[in-house]
Amino acid sequence: METYKLPVSFFEALTFTVKAHNKQYRKSIDKTVPYINHPIKVAKRLLHALQNSNVSEGDMSCFVQAALLHDVVEKTKHNLDEIRDIFGEKTADLVFELTDPSKSIKNAKARRKVRAKRAQKYSLGAANIKVCDKTENLNDILVLNIDWPKNRIINYANEAKDVVLNCKEGFIFPCLLDDFFIIYEKIIREHGED
């Protein structure tokens, strides 16, 4: 069993996130997987990578908070001002970076370009959280019973790859990059290429 040094603020962010995502479920056919599992897995993956990094405790705390909160603004009634008031400026800035402004763009190719271009501007924290997020999303495609056609799965996997590859060089912890590409390649093997 792995043990982690948890930032003090971890439980406050976890409690907020659990309440925010209450009664939400992942995109599985039977809608039985609570959504909260996703931000917890993202935070755990990030925390594992942070244990062997030179990131300060203060930044680590903000990164883990933001990993837990990364979908709160997009998928719940909560807003950035609330995040800022409760968790501070640094955490709110990370959540802002991770909140997808391209949801209103109907054209999938245009949306994909916007997301990849946005990744070029991610801070260290946002880049690593986003890689954890994309890795967990791809892993859920493999593990959960998601009713997506093959081409949608492949398009999503390739968009995720575009985002990851557009993050600033040297920003992503190597273990996270390795994990992402292991799962990405498994998706491509199981579902075929573009």
N, C-alpha and C. Protein backbone atom coordinates (compact mmCIF):
# COMPACT_ATOMS: atom_id res chain seq x y z
N MET A 1 0.84 -1.19 0.00
CA MET A 1 0.00 0.00 0.00
C MET A 1 0.88 1.25 0.00
N GLU A 2 0.56 2.17 -0.89
CA GLU A 2 1.33 3.40 -0.98
C GLU A 2 0.90 4.37 0.12
N THR A 3 1.85 5.10 0.65
CA THR A 3 1.53 6.16 1.62
C THR A 3 2.00 7.48 1.05
N TYR A 4 1.22 8.51 1.30
CA TYR A 4 1.53 9.82 0.77
C TYR A 4 1.56 10.84 1.90
N LYS A 5 2.39 11.83 1.72
CA LYS A 5 2.37 12.98 2.61
C LYS A 5 1.30 13.91 2.04
N LEU A 6 0.17 14.00 2.73
CA LEU A 6 -0.94 14.79 2.22
C LEU A 6 -0.84 16.24 2.69
N PRO A 7 -1.03 17.17 1.77
CA PRO A 7 -1.08 18.57 2.19
C PRO A 7 -2.26 18.78 3.15
N VAL A 8 -2.10 19.66 4.09
CA VAL A 8 -3.13 19.93 5.11
C VAL A 8 -4.47 20.26 4.46
N SER A 9 -4.42 20.99 3.37
CA SER A 9 -5.65 21.46 2.71
C SER A 9 -6.35 20.38 1.89
N PHE A 10 -5.75 19.21 1.79
CA PHE A 10 -6.30 18.13 0.97
C PHE A 10 -7.74 17.80 1.36
N PHE A 11 -7.99 17.63 2.65
CA PHE A 11 -9.31 17.19 3.09
C PHE A 11 -10.37 18.27 2.91
N GLU A 12 -9.97 19.52 3.05
CA GLU A 12 -10.91 20.62 2.81
C GLU A 12 -11.34 20.63 1.33
N ALA A 13 -10.37 20.48 0.44
CA ALA A 13 -10.68 20.45 -1.00
C ALA A 13 -11.48 19.19 -1.34
N LEU A 14 -11.13 18.07 -0.74
CA LEU A 14 -11.85 16.83 -1.00
C LEU A 14 -13.31 16.95 -0.56
N THR A 15 -13.53 17.49 0.63
CA THR A 15 -14.90 17.66 1.13
C THR A 15 -15.72 18.56 0.21
N PHE A 16 -15.14 19.67 -0.22
CA PHE A 16 -15.82 20.60 -1.12
C PHE A 16 -16.17 19.89 -2.44
N THR A 17 -15.21 19.14 -2.97
CA THR A 17 -15.40 18.46 -4.25
C THR A 17 -16.46 17.36 -4.15
N VAL A 18 -16.45 16.62 -3.06
CA VAL A 18 -17.46 15.56 -2.86
C VAL A 18 -18.85 16.18 -2.86
N LYS A 19 -19.01 17.28 -2.13
CA LYS A 19 -20.32 17.94 -2.08
C LYS A 19 -20.71 18.52 -3.44
N ALA A 20 -19.74 19.11 -4.13
CA ALA A 20 -20.02 19.73 -5.43
C ALA A 20 -20.47 18.71 -6.47
N HIS A 21 -19.84 17.54 -6.47
CA HIS A 21 -20.15 16.51 -7.48
C HIS A 21 -21.17 15.49 -6.98
N ASN A 22 -21.84 15.80 -5.89
CA ASN A 22 -22.86 14.90 -5.34
C ASN A 22 -23.92 14.59 -6.40
N LYS A 23 -24.27 13.34 -6.53
CA LYS A 23 -25.29 12.85 -7.47
C LYS A 23 -24.89 12.97 -8.94
N GLN A 24 -23.60 13.15 -9.20
CA GLN A 24 -23.10 13.12 -10.58
C GLN A 24 -22.40 11.79 -10.81
N TYR A 25 -22.46 11.32 -12.07
CA TYR A 25 -21.88 10.02 -12.40
C TYR A 25 -21.02 10.14 -13.64
N ARG A 26 -20.04 9.23 -13.76
CA ARG A 26 -19.19 9.17 -14.95
C ARG A 26 -20.03 8.69 -16.13
N LYS A 27 -19.49 8.88 -17.35
CA LYS A 27 -20.20 8.52 -18.57
C LYS A 27 -20.12 7.02 -18.84
N SER A 28 -20.76 6.25 -18.01
CA SER A 28 -20.85 4.81 -18.25
C SER A 28 -22.30 4.50 -18.61
N ILE A 29 -22.52 3.39 -19.27
CA ILE A 29 -23.87 3.04 -19.72
C ILE A 29 -24.83 2.97 -18.54
N ASP A 30 -24.41 2.35 -17.45
CA ASP A 30 -25.32 2.15 -16.33
C ASP A 30 -25.31 3.28 -15.29
N LYS A 31 -24.48 4.28 -15.48
CA LYS A 31 -24.43 5.46 -14.60
C LYS A 31 -24.31 5.08 -13.12
N THR A 32 -23.40 4.15 -12.82
CA THR A 32 -23.23 3.72 -11.43
C THR A 32 -21.93 4.18 -10.81
N VAL A 33 -21.04 4.76 -11.59
CA VAL A 33 -19.75 5.18 -11.06
C VAL A 33 -19.84 6.64 -10.65
N PRO A 34 -19.74 6.92 -9.35
CA PRO A 34 -19.83 8.32 -8.89
C PRO A 34 -18.74 9.18 -9.53
N TYR A 35 -19.13 10.38 -9.94
CA TYR A 35 -18.18 11.29 -10.60
C TYR A 35 -16.99 11.59 -9.70
N ILE A 36 -17.20 11.65 -8.40
CA ILE A 36 -16.14 12.02 -7.47
C ILE A 36 -14.92 11.10 -7.60
N ASN A 37 -15.14 9.88 -8.07
CA ASN A 37 -14.00 8.97 -8.27
C ASN A 37 -12.96 9.59 -9.20
N HIS A 38 -13.41 10.32 -10.20
CA HIS A 38 -12.49 10.90 -11.19
C HIS A 38 -11.54 11.93 -10.57
N PRO A 39 -12.02 13.00 -9.93
CA PRO A 39 -11.05 13.95 -9.37
C PRO A 39 -10.17 13.32 -8.29
N ILE A 40 -10.68 12.34 -7.58
CA ILE A 40 -9.84 11.67 -6.57
C ILE A 40 -8.70 10.92 -7.26
N LYS A 41 -9.01 10.22 -8.35
CA LYS A 41 -7.96 9.48 -9.08
C LYS A 41 -6.95 10.44 -9.72
N VAL A 42 -7.43 11.59 -10.22
CA VAL A 42 -6.53 12.60 -10.78
C VAL A 42 -5.58 13.11 -9.69
N ALA A 43 -6.13 13.44 -8.52
CA ALA A 43 -5.32 13.95 -7.42
C ALA A 43 -4.33 12.89 -6.93
N LYS A 44 -4.76 11.65 -6.86
CA LYS A 44 -3.87 10.57 -6.41
C LYS A 44 -2.71 10.40 -7.38
N ARG A 45 -3.01 10.39 -8.67
CA ARG A 45 -1.95 10.24 -9.68
C ARG A 45 -0.95 11.40 -9.57
N LEU A 46 -1.47 12.61 -9.42
CA LEU A 46 -0.60 13.78 -9.29
C LEU A 46 0.22 13.71 -8.01
N LEU A 47 -0.41 13.36 -6.92
CA LEU A 47 0.27 13.27 -5.64
C LEU A 47 1.42 12.27 -5.69
N HIS A 48 1.19 11.16 -6.37
CA HIS A 48 2.25 10.16 -6.53
C HIS A 48 3.46 10.78 -7.25
N ALA A 49 3.22 11.52 -8.30
CA ALA A 49 4.32 12.15 -9.05
C ALA A 49 5.00 13.24 -8.23
N LEU A 50 4.22 13.97 -7.45
CA LEU A 50 4.78 15.08 -6.66
C LEU A 50 5.69 14.60 -5.54
N GLN A 51 5.50 13.38 -5.06
CA GLN A 51 6.29 12.87 -3.94
C GLN A 51 7.79 12.88 -4.25
N ASN A 52 8.14 12.71 -5.50
CA ASN A 52 9.56 12.64 -5.88
C ASN A 52 10.00 13.87 -6.68
N SER A 53 9.30 14.98 -6.49
CA SER A 53 9.63 16.20 -7.24
C SER A 53 10.26 17.22 -6.30
N ASN A 54 10.69 18.31 -6.90
CA ASN A 54 11.24 19.41 -6.09
C ASN A 54 10.22 20.54 -5.94
N VAL A 55 8.95 20.23 -6.10
CA VAL A 55 7.88 21.22 -5.94
C VAL A 55 7.74 21.53 -4.45
N SER A 56 7.64 22.81 -4.13
CA SER A 56 7.53 23.22 -2.73
C SER A 56 6.23 22.70 -2.11
N GLU A 57 6.19 22.61 -0.77
CA GLU A 57 4.98 22.15 -0.09
C GLU A 57 3.78 23.05 -0.40
N GLY A 58 4.02 24.37 -0.46
CA GLY A 58 2.95 25.31 -0.75
C GLY A 58 2.36 25.08 -2.14
N ASP A 59 3.25 24.93 -3.13
CA ASP A 59 2.78 24.67 -4.49
C ASP A 59 2.12 23.30 -4.58
N MET A 60 2.70 22.31 -3.89
CA MET A 60 2.13 20.96 -3.90
C MET A 60 0.69 21.01 -3.37
N SER A 61 0.48 21.77 -2.32
CA SER A 61 -0.85 21.90 -1.73
C SER A 61 -1.83 22.49 -2.75
N CYS A 62 -1.42 23.56 -3.42
CA CYS A 62 -2.28 24.19 -4.45
C CYS A 62 -2.54 23.24 -5.61
N PHE A 63 -1.51 22.51 -6.04
CA PHE A 63 -1.66 21.58 -7.16
C PHE A 63 -2.68 20.50 -6.83
N VAL A 64 -2.57 19.94 -5.62
CA VAL A 64 -3.48 18.85 -5.23
C VAL A 64 -4.91 19.38 -5.06
N GLN A 65 -5.04 20.57 -4.46
CA GLN A 65 -6.37 21.17 -4.35
C GLN A 65 -6.98 21.33 -5.75
N ALA A 66 -6.21 21.90 -6.66
CA ALA A 66 -6.72 22.15 -8.02
C ALA A 66 -7.03 20.84 -8.74
N ALA A 67 -6.25 19.79 -8.49
CA ALA A 67 -6.54 18.49 -9.10
C ALA A 67 -7.91 17.99 -8.64
N LEU A 68 -8.19 18.15 -7.37
CA LEU A 68 -9.50 17.74 -6.85
C LEU A 68 -10.62 18.62 -7.40
N LEU A 69 -10.35 19.90 -7.55
CA LEU A 69 -11.37 20.88 -7.93
C LEU A 69 -11.46 21.13 -9.44
N HIS A 70 -10.65 20.44 -10.24
CA HIS A 70 -10.47 20.82 -11.64
C HIS A 70 -11.75 20.83 -12.48
N ASP A 71 -12.75 20.06 -12.12
CA ASP A 71 -14.01 20.04 -12.90
C ASP A 71 -15.17 20.75 -12.21
N VAL A 72 -14.93 21.31 -11.04
CA VAL A 72 -16.02 21.90 -10.26
C VAL A 72 -16.70 23.05 -11.01
N VAL A 73 -15.93 23.95 -11.59
CA VAL A 73 -16.53 25.11 -12.27
C VAL A 73 -17.25 24.67 -13.54
N GLU A 74 -16.67 23.71 -14.26
CA GLU A 74 -17.28 23.23 -15.51
C GLU A 74 -18.55 22.42 -15.30
N LYS A 75 -18.59 21.62 -14.25
CA LYS A 75 -19.64 20.62 -14.13
C LYS A 75 -20.59 20.81 -12.96
N THR A 76 -20.45 21.92 -12.21
CA THR A 76 -21.35 22.15 -11.08
C THR A 76 -21.80 23.61 -11.07
N LYS A 77 -22.57 23.96 -10.08
CA LYS A 77 -23.07 25.34 -9.95
C LYS A 77 -22.04 26.29 -9.34
N HIS A 78 -20.92 25.78 -8.90
CA HIS A 78 -19.91 26.61 -8.24
C HIS A 78 -19.10 27.41 -9.25
N ASN A 79 -18.55 28.54 -8.80
CA ASN A 79 -17.78 29.40 -9.71
C ASN A 79 -16.39 29.69 -9.15
N LEU A 80 -15.59 30.33 -9.97
CA LEU A 80 -14.20 30.62 -9.60
C LEU A 80 -14.08 31.54 -8.39
N ASP A 81 -15.02 32.46 -8.24
CA ASP A 81 -14.96 33.34 -7.07
C ASP A 81 -15.06 32.54 -5.77
N GLU A 82 -15.92 31.54 -5.75
CA GLU A 82 -16.03 30.68 -4.57
C GLU A 82 -14.72 29.94 -4.32
N ILE A 83 -14.15 29.39 -5.39
CA ILE A 83 -12.88 28.66 -5.27
C ILE A 83 -11.81 29.60 -4.71
N ARG A 84 -11.75 30.81 -5.24
CA ARG A 84 -10.77 31.81 -4.79
C ARG A 84 -10.98 32.17 -3.32
N ASP A 85 -12.23 32.40 -2.93
CA ASP A 85 -12.54 32.77 -1.55
C ASP A 85 -12.15 31.67 -0.56
N ILE A 86 -12.37 30.44 -0.94
CA ILE A 86 -12.14 29.32 -0.02
C ILE A 86 -10.70 28.81 -0.08
N PHE A 87 -10.14 28.70 -1.28
CA PHE A 87 -8.85 28.02 -1.45
C PHE A 87 -7.70 28.95 -1.86
N GLY A 88 -8.01 30.20 -2.14
CA GLY A 88 -6.95 31.15 -2.44
C GLY A 88 -6.71 31.35 -3.93
N GLU A 89 -5.94 32.38 -4.20
CA GLU A 89 -5.66 32.83 -5.57
C GLU A 89 -4.94 31.78 -6.41
N LYS A 90 -3.89 31.16 -5.86
CA LYS A 90 -3.09 30.20 -6.65
C LYS A 90 -3.94 29.00 -7.10
N THR A 91 -4.71 28.47 -6.17
CA THR A 91 -5.55 27.32 -6.52
C THR A 91 -6.61 27.73 -7.54
N ALA A 92 -7.22 28.89 -7.33
CA ALA A 92 -8.25 29.37 -8.26
C ALA A 92 -7.65 29.60 -9.65
N ASP A 93 -6.43 30.13 -9.70
CA ASP A 93 -5.78 30.34 -11.00
C ASP A 93 -5.58 29.02 -11.74
N LEU A 94 -5.19 27.99 -11.00
CA LEU A 94 -5.02 26.67 -11.62
C LEU A 94 -6.35 26.13 -12.12
N VAL A 95 -7.39 26.26 -11.31
CA VAL A 95 -8.71 25.78 -11.73
C VAL A 95 -9.17 26.55 -12.98
N PHE A 96 -8.91 27.84 -13.02
CA PHE A 96 -9.24 28.64 -14.20
C PHE A 96 -8.51 28.11 -15.43
N GLU A 97 -7.21 27.84 -15.29
CA GLU A 97 -6.44 27.31 -16.42
C GLU A 97 -7.04 26.00 -16.93
N LEU A 98 -7.57 25.19 -16.01
CA LEU A 98 -8.07 23.87 -16.36
C LEU A 98 -9.52 23.86 -16.80
N THR A 99 -10.22 24.97 -16.64
CA THR A 99 -11.62 25.05 -17.04
C THR A 99 -11.69 25.29 -18.54
N ASP A 100 -12.41 24.43 -19.22
CA ASP A 100 -12.45 24.42 -20.69
C ASP A 100 -13.36 25.52 -21.24
N PRO A 101 -12.77 26.53 -21.90
CA PRO A 101 -13.59 27.59 -22.49
C PRO A 101 -14.16 27.22 -23.85
N SER A 102 -13.74 26.07 -24.39
CA SER A 102 -14.13 25.72 -25.76
C SER A 102 -15.41 24.91 -25.84
N LYS A 103 -16.08 24.68 -24.72
CA LYS A 103 -17.30 23.87 -24.71
C LYS A 103 -18.37 24.41 -25.66
N SER A 104 -18.40 25.72 -25.84
CA SER A 104 -19.43 26.33 -26.69
C SER A 104 -19.11 26.21 -28.19
N ILE A 105 -17.89 25.80 -28.52
CA ILE A 105 -17.50 25.64 -29.93
C ILE A 105 -18.08 24.32 -30.44
N LYS A 106 -18.93 24.40 -31.42
CA LYS A 106 -19.63 23.21 -31.92
C LYS A 106 -18.76 22.34 -32.83
N ASN A 107 -17.87 22.95 -33.60
CA ASN A 107 -17.02 22.21 -34.53
C ASN A 107 -15.91 21.49 -33.75
N ALA A 108 -15.90 20.16 -33.85
CA ALA A 108 -14.95 19.34 -33.08
C ALA A 108 -13.49 19.65 -33.41
N LYS A 109 -13.19 19.86 -34.69
CA LYS A 109 -11.80 20.16 -35.07
C LYS A 109 -11.35 21.51 -34.52
N ALA A 110 -12.23 22.49 -34.56
CA ALA A 110 -11.90 23.81 -34.02
C ALA A 110 -11.71 23.73 -32.51
N ARG A 111 -12.57 22.97 -31.85
CA ARG A 111 -12.47 22.80 -30.39
C ARG A 111 -11.16 22.11 -30.03
N ARG A 112 -10.78 21.12 -30.82
CA ARG A 112 -9.53 20.38 -30.58
C ARG A 112 -8.33 21.32 -30.70
N LYS A 113 -8.36 22.20 -31.71
CA LYS A 113 -7.26 23.16 -31.89
C LYS A 113 -7.17 24.13 -30.71
N VAL A 114 -8.31 24.62 -30.26
CA VAL A 114 -8.34 25.56 -29.13
C VAL A 114 -7.74 24.90 -27.89
N ARG A 115 -8.13 23.65 -27.63
CA ARG A 115 -7.63 22.95 -26.44
C ARG A 115 -6.13 22.71 -26.52
N ALA A 116 -5.64 22.32 -27.69
CA ALA A 116 -4.21 22.07 -27.85
C ALA A 116 -3.42 23.38 -27.71
N LYS A 117 -3.93 24.45 -28.30
CA LYS A 117 -3.25 25.74 -28.21
C LYS A 117 -3.24 26.25 -26.76
N ARG A 118 -4.32 26.05 -26.06
CA ARG A 118 -4.41 26.47 -24.66
C ARG A 118 -3.36 25.75 -23.81
N ALA A 119 -3.11 24.47 -24.14
CA ALA A 119 -2.13 23.67 -23.38
C ALA A 119 -0.73 24.27 -23.44
N GLN A 120 -0.43 24.99 -24.52
CA GLN A 120 0.89 25.60 -24.67
C GLN A 120 1.15 26.65 -23.58
N LYS A 121 0.09 27.18 -22.99
CA LYS A 121 0.23 28.24 -22.00
C LYS A 121 0.08 27.74 -20.56
N TYR A 122 -0.16 26.44 -20.38
CA TYR A 122 -0.35 25.91 -19.04
C TYR A 122 0.88 26.14 -18.16
N SER A 123 0.61 26.45 -16.92
CA SER A 123 1.67 26.52 -15.91
C SER A 123 2.12 25.10 -15.58
N LEU A 124 3.16 24.97 -14.77
CA LEU A 124 3.65 23.66 -14.35
C LEU A 124 2.53 22.85 -13.69
N GLY A 125 1.82 23.46 -12.77
CA GLY A 125 0.75 22.75 -12.07
C GLY A 125 -0.36 22.34 -13.00
N ALA A 126 -0.83 23.26 -13.83
CA ALA A 126 -1.94 22.97 -14.74
C ALA A 126 -1.56 21.89 -15.75
N ALA A 127 -0.33 21.95 -16.27
CA ALA A 127 0.11 20.95 -17.25
C ALA A 127 0.08 19.55 -16.64
N ASN A 128 0.58 19.41 -15.44
CA ASN A 128 0.63 18.09 -14.82
C ASN A 128 -0.75 17.60 -14.40
N ILE A 129 -1.59 18.50 -13.93
CA ILE A 129 -2.97 18.11 -13.60
C ILE A 129 -3.70 17.68 -14.87
N LYS A 130 -3.52 18.43 -15.95
CA LYS A 130 -4.20 18.09 -17.20
C LYS A 130 -3.77 16.72 -17.72
N VAL A 131 -2.48 16.41 -17.61
CA VAL A 131 -2.01 15.09 -18.04
C VAL A 131 -2.65 13.99 -17.18
N CYS A 132 -2.74 14.23 -15.87
CA CYS A 132 -3.41 13.26 -14.99
C CYS A 132 -4.88 13.12 -15.37
N ASP A 133 -5.53 14.23 -15.66
CA ASP A 133 -6.94 14.23 -16.06
C ASP A 133 -7.14 13.43 -17.35
N LYS A 134 -6.32 13.71 -18.35
CA LYS A 134 -6.45 12.99 -19.63
C LYS A 134 -6.14 11.51 -19.46
N THR A 135 -5.15 11.19 -18.64
CA THR A 135 -4.80 9.79 -18.39
C THR A 135 -5.97 9.06 -17.74
N GLU A 136 -6.57 9.68 -16.74
CA GLU A 136 -7.70 9.04 -16.07
C GLU A 136 -8.92 8.94 -16.98
N ASN A 137 -9.14 9.93 -17.82
CA ASN A 137 -10.25 9.85 -18.79
C ASN A 137 -10.04 8.68 -19.75
N LEU A 138 -8.82 8.52 -20.26
CA LEU A 138 -8.53 7.41 -21.16
C LEU A 138 -8.65 6.08 -20.43
N ASN A 139 -8.16 6.04 -19.20
CA ASN A 139 -8.26 4.81 -18.42
C ASN A 139 -9.72 4.43 -18.19
N ASP A 140 -10.57 5.43 -17.94
CA ASP A 140 -12.00 5.14 -17.76
C ASP A 140 -12.63 4.58 -19.03
N ILE A 141 -12.18 5.04 -20.18
CA ILE A 141 -12.68 4.49 -21.45
C ILE A 141 -12.36 3.00 -21.51
N LEU A 142 -11.18 2.63 -21.03
CA LEU A 142 -10.79 1.21 -21.03
C LEU A 142 -11.55 0.38 -20.00
N VAL A 143 -11.81 0.97 -18.84
CA VAL A 143 -12.33 0.20 -17.72
C VAL A 143 -13.85 0.26 -17.57
N LEU A 144 -14.43 1.43 -17.81
CA LEU A 144 -15.87 1.58 -17.64
C LEU A 144 -16.60 1.15 -18.90
N ASN A 145 -17.83 0.87 -18.76
CA ASN A 145 -18.66 0.48 -19.89
C ASN A 145 -19.20 1.76 -20.55
N ILE A 146 -18.37 2.39 -21.37
CA ILE A 146 -18.74 3.65 -22.02
C ILE A 146 -19.25 3.35 -23.42
N ASP A 147 -20.42 3.85 -23.71
CA ASP A 147 -21.09 3.56 -24.97
C ASP A 147 -20.74 4.61 -26.03
N TRP A 148 -19.48 4.64 -26.42
CA TRP A 148 -19.03 5.55 -27.47
C TRP A 148 -18.66 4.73 -28.69
N PRO A 149 -18.96 5.25 -29.88
CA PRO A 149 -18.48 4.55 -31.09
C PRO A 149 -16.95 4.62 -31.16
N LYS A 150 -16.40 3.67 -31.86
CA LYS A 150 -14.94 3.53 -31.99
C LYS A 150 -14.28 4.84 -32.43
N ASN A 151 -14.85 5.53 -33.42
CA ASN A 151 -14.22 6.76 -33.93
C ASN A 151 -14.21 7.86 -32.87
N ARG A 152 -15.23 7.91 -32.02
CA ARG A 152 -15.25 8.93 -30.96
C ARG A 152 -14.15 8.64 -29.93
N ILE A 153 -13.95 7.37 -29.62
CA ILE A 153 -12.89 6.98 -28.68
C ILE A 153 -11.53 7.37 -29.23
N ILE A 154 -11.30 7.03 -30.49
CA ILE A 154 -10.00 7.34 -31.12
C ILE A 154 -9.80 8.86 -31.22
N ASN A 155 -10.84 9.59 -31.61
CA ASN A 155 -10.73 11.05 -31.68
C ASN A 155 -10.42 11.65 -30.31
N TYR A 156 -11.10 11.15 -29.28
CA TYR A 156 -10.83 11.66 -27.93
C TYR A 156 -9.39 11.36 -27.51
N ALA A 157 -8.94 10.14 -27.77
CA ALA A 157 -7.56 9.76 -27.41
C ALA A 157 -6.54 10.63 -28.14
N ASN A 158 -6.78 10.88 -29.41
CA ASN A 158 -5.84 11.71 -30.18
C ASN A 158 -5.90 13.17 -29.74
N GLU A 159 -7.08 13.66 -29.38
CA GLU A 159 -7.16 15.02 -28.85
C GLU A 159 -6.41 15.12 -27.52
N ALA A 160 -6.56 14.11 -26.69
CA ALA A 160 -5.83 14.08 -25.42
C ALA A 160 -4.33 14.11 -25.67
N LYS A 161 -3.88 13.33 -26.65
CA LYS A 161 -2.46 13.31 -27.01
C LYS A 161 -2.01 14.69 -27.48
N ASP A 162 -2.83 15.36 -28.32
CA ASP A 162 -2.49 16.71 -28.78
C ASP A 162 -2.30 17.67 -27.61
N VAL A 163 -3.20 17.60 -26.64
CA VAL A 163 -3.11 18.47 -25.47
C VAL A 163 -1.82 18.18 -24.70
N VAL A 164 -1.56 16.92 -24.45
CA VAL A 164 -0.36 16.53 -23.68
C VAL A 164 0.91 16.97 -24.41
N LEU A 165 0.97 16.74 -25.71
CA LEU A 165 2.18 17.09 -26.47
C LEU A 165 2.35 18.59 -26.63
N ASN A 166 1.29 19.36 -26.44
CA ASN A 166 1.39 20.81 -26.56
C ASN A 166 1.75 21.51 -25.25
N CYS A 167 1.80 20.76 -24.17
CA CYS A 167 2.28 21.36 -22.92
C CYS A 167 3.76 21.70 -23.07
N LYS A 168 4.21 22.71 -22.36
CA LYS A 168 5.61 23.15 -22.48
C LYS A 168 6.56 22.00 -22.22
N GLU A 169 7.57 21.91 -23.08
CA GLU A 169 8.56 20.85 -22.96
C GLU A 169 9.26 20.94 -21.59
N GLY A 170 9.38 19.80 -20.96
CA GLY A 170 10.04 19.74 -19.66
C GLY A 170 9.13 20.03 -18.48
N PHE A 171 7.88 20.43 -18.74
CA PHE A 171 6.95 20.75 -17.65
C PHE A 171 6.33 19.50 -17.03
N ILE A 172 6.12 18.47 -17.83
CA ILE A 172 5.39 17.31 -17.34
C ILE A 172 6.36 16.32 -16.70
N PHE A 173 5.98 15.86 -15.50
CA PHE A 173 6.81 14.87 -14.81
C PHE A 173 6.88 13.62 -15.68
N PRO A 174 8.09 13.08 -15.89
CA PRO A 174 8.26 11.92 -16.79
C PRO A 174 7.36 10.74 -16.45
N CYS A 175 7.16 10.45 -15.17
CA CYS A 175 6.31 9.30 -14.81
C CYS A 175 4.87 9.50 -15.28
N LEU A 176 4.39 10.76 -15.29
CA LEU A 176 3.03 11.04 -15.76
C LEU A 176 2.94 10.88 -17.27
N LEU A 177 3.97 11.34 -17.96
CA LEU A 177 4.02 11.20 -19.42
C LEU A 177 4.05 9.72 -19.80
N ASP A 178 4.87 8.94 -19.10
CA ASP A 178 4.94 7.50 -19.37
C ASP A 178 3.58 6.84 -19.17
N ASP A 179 2.93 7.16 -18.04
CA ASP A 179 1.61 6.57 -17.76
C ASP A 179 0.60 6.94 -18.84
N PHE A 180 0.62 8.20 -19.26
CA PHE A 180 -0.32 8.64 -20.29
C PHE A 180 -0.14 7.81 -21.56
N PHE A 181 1.10 7.68 -22.02
CA PHE A 181 1.33 7.01 -23.29
C PHE A 181 1.09 5.50 -23.21
N ILE A 182 1.27 4.89 -22.06
CA ILE A 182 0.93 3.47 -21.90
C ILE A 182 -0.57 3.28 -22.13
N ILE A 183 -1.36 4.13 -21.50
CA ILE A 183 -2.83 4.01 -21.63
C ILE A 183 -3.29 4.44 -23.02
N TYR A 184 -2.70 5.51 -23.56
CA TYR A 184 -3.04 5.97 -24.92
C TYR A 184 -2.80 4.84 -25.93
N GLU A 185 -1.63 4.22 -25.86
CA GLU A 185 -1.29 3.16 -26.81
C GLU A 185 -2.22 1.95 -26.66
N LYS A 186 -2.64 1.68 -25.45
CA LYS A 186 -3.59 0.58 -25.23
C LYS A 186 -4.93 0.89 -25.90
N ILE A 187 -5.38 2.14 -25.78
CA ILE A 187 -6.63 2.56 -26.45
C ILE A 187 -6.49 2.37 -27.96
N ILE A 188 -5.38 2.82 -28.52
CA ILE A 188 -5.18 2.72 -29.97
C ILE A 188 -5.15 1.24 -30.39
N ARG A 189 -4.47 0.41 -29.62
CA ARG A 189 -4.42 -1.03 -29.96
C ARG A 189 -5.81 -1.66 -29.90
N GLU A 190 -6.59 -1.30 -28.89
CA GLU A 190 -7.90 -1.93 -28.71
C GLU A 190 -8.98 -1.37 -29.63
N HIS A 191 -8.83 -0.12 -30.04
CA HIS A 191 -9.91 0.51 -30.81
C HIS A 191 -9.52 0.95 -32.21
N GLY A 192 -8.25 0.75 -32.59
CA GLY A 192 -7.80 1.10 -33.93
C GLY A 192 -7.36 2.54 -34.03
N GLU A 193 -6.73 2.87 -35.15
CA GLU A 193 -6.21 4.23 -35.35
C GLU A 193 -7.20 5.08 -36.09
N ASP A 194 -6.91 6.41 -36.07
CA ASP A 194 -7.70 7.42 -36.79
C ASP A 194 -7.92 7.01 -38.24
